Amino acid sequence: MAIYEKIFDGNFSHFLDMFHDNMINSSMTTNYEDGNLMMVGEREVSFLVYERYSAIGSSRVSLSVVVADLGNKIHFTAIPSGGAQGMFMKVNTFGESAFLDVCVKIVENYIVA
């Protein structure tokens, strides 16, 4: 299973809005499934789940994202799942990787901006 994790400088609310807009607009088939914004002590943490159709795997893949406010830093974690084939072992994880790549590009573009 792939995972992308990064800690970087940024404004939590601004990043969260930008990330969500870019994810939704990344593909015609991308949906925001649900999410939660919670307080952990005095810090905000957001849990988001996106899903989209993967033409490569002819199935749907999901992307679970956690964004945590660390003051002037953001802790970001994303894990894709689904879309693979095979009953006893995962085969053809291209859809998962492609969805994660979209997410990584959005985060990396925010960091360099």
Protein backbone atom coordinates (compact mmCIF):
# COMPACT_ATOMS: atom_id res chain seq x y z
CA MET A 1 0.00 0.00 0.00
CA ALA A 2 1.27 3.44 -0.91
CA ILE A 3 1.36 6.35 1.50
CA TYR A 4 2.31 10.00 1.10
CA GLU A 5 3.19 11.98 4.18
CA LYS A 6 4.57 15.50 4.41
CA ILE A 7 5.03 18.28 6.96
CA PHE A 8 5.27 21.77 5.48
CA ASP A 9 4.69 25.46 6.18
CA GLY A 10 1.23 26.82 5.49
CA ASN A 11 -2.11 28.10 6.65
CA PHE A 12 -4.40 25.19 7.58
CA SER A 13 -7.72 26.71 6.40
CA HIS A 14 -6.27 28.09 3.17
CA PHE A 15 -4.55 24.80 2.35
CA LEU A 16 -7.65 22.73 3.14
CA ASP A 17 -9.86 24.84 0.85
CA MET A 18 -7.28 24.81 -1.96
CA PHE A 19 -6.66 21.07 -1.65
CA HIS A 20 -10.37 20.19 -1.67
CA ASP A 21 -11.12 22.39 -4.70
CA ASN A 22 -8.21 20.92 -6.65
CA MET A 23 -9.12 17.33 -5.77
CA ILE A 24 -12.75 17.80 -6.84
CA ASN A 25 -11.65 19.41 -10.12
CA SER A 26 -8.93 16.83 -10.84
CA SER A 27 -11.28 14.47 -12.71
CA MET A 28 -14.89 14.32 -13.87
CA THR A 29 -15.36 11.20 -11.77
CA THR A 30 -13.82 12.47 -8.52
CA ASN A 31 -16.31 12.67 -5.67
CA TYR A 32 -15.97 13.93 -2.14
CA GLU A 33 -17.43 11.04 -0.13
CA ASP A 34 -17.35 12.59 3.34
CA GLY A 35 -15.12 14.06 5.96
CA ASN A 36 -14.81 15.39 9.45
CA LEU A 37 -13.22 18.45 10.99
CA MET A 38 -12.35 17.92 14.63
CA MET A 39 -10.45 19.61 17.41
CA VAL A 40 -7.58 17.74 19.03
CA GLY A 41 -6.66 19.88 21.98
CA GLU A 42 -6.34 23.33 20.47
CA ARG A 43 -5.51 22.07 16.97
CA GLU A 44 -7.77 21.29 14.03
CA VAL A 45 -7.55 17.95 12.25
CA SER A 46 -9.49 17.15 9.09
CA PHE A 47 -10.23 13.67 7.76
CA LEU A 48 -11.37 13.57 4.11
CA VAL A 49 -12.33 10.72 1.78
CA TYR A 50 -12.38 11.07 -2.01
CA GLU A 51 -13.31 8.50 -4.63
CA ARG A 52 -12.97 8.32 -8.39
CA TYR A 53 -13.30 5.92 -11.27
CA SER A 54 -10.10 4.31 -12.52
CA ALA A 55 -10.31 3.46 -16.21
CA ILE A 56 -7.07 1.47 -15.96
CA GLY A 57 -8.50 -0.90 -13.36
CA SER A 58 -12.14 -0.52 -14.45
CA SER A 59 -13.10 0.11 -10.84
CA ARG A 60 -13.37 2.86 -8.25
CA VAL A 61 -10.50 3.90 -6.00
CA SER A 62 -10.60 5.92 -2.80
CA LEU A 63 -8.16 8.31 -1.19
CA SER A 64 -8.20 8.88 2.56
CA VAL A 65 -6.56 12.13 3.68
CA VAL A 66 -5.68 13.51 7.11
CA VAL A 67 -4.65 17.16 7.41
CA ALA A 68 -3.50 18.40 10.82
CA ASP A 69 -2.90 22.00 11.88
CA LEU A 70 0.44 22.27 13.69
CA GLY A 71 0.33 26.05 14.10
CA ASN A 72 2.30 27.47 11.21
CA LYS A 73 2.92 23.98 9.81
CA ILE A 74 0.63 21.37 8.26
CA HIS A 75 0.94 17.61 8.67
CA PHE A 76 -0.53 15.86 5.63
CA THR A 77 -1.11 12.13 5.09
CA ALA A 78 -2.83 10.42 2.14
CA ILE A 79 -3.47 6.71 1.55
CA PRO A 80 -5.23 5.33 -1.55
CA SER A 81 -7.15 2.06 -1.58
CA GLY A 82 -9.33 -0.07 -3.83
CA GLY A 83 -9.23 -0.53 -7.54
CA ALA A 84 -6.82 -3.45 -7.42
CA GLN A 85 -7.56 -6.86 -8.87
CA GLY A 86 -6.86 -10.29 -7.46
CA MET A 87 -8.55 -12.39 -4.82
CA PHE A 88 -5.60 -13.29 -2.58
CA MET A 89 -3.05 -10.62 -3.48
CA LYS A 90 -3.23 -7.16 -4.97
CA VAL A 91 -2.64 -7.02 -8.70
CA ASN A 92 -2.87 -3.90 -10.87
CA THR A 93 -2.59 -1.05 -8.37
CA PHE A 94 -2.23 1.54 -11.15
CA GLY A 95 -5.49 3.25 -10.22
CA GLU A 96 -4.39 3.73 -6.62
CA SER A 97 -1.01 5.08 -7.68
CA ALA A 98 -2.53 7.46 -10.21
CA PHE A 99 -4.98 8.90 -7.65
CA LEU A 100 -2.17 9.36 -5.13
CA ASP A 101 -0.03 11.06 -7.82
CA VAL A 102 -2.78 13.67 -8.35
CA CYS A 103 -2.85 14.35 -4.62
CA VAL A 104 0.95 14.60 -4.36
CA LYS A 105 1.07 17.09 -7.23
CA ILE A 106 -1.49 19.33 -5.51
CA VAL A 107 0.46 19.32 -2.23
CA GLU A 108 3.86 19.81 -3.88
CA ASN A 109 2.53 22.72 -5.96
CA TYR A 110 1.22 24.36 -2.77
CA ILE A 111 4.60 23.95 -1.08
CA VAL A 112 6.57 25.62 -3.89
CA ALA A 113 4.04 28.44 -4.42
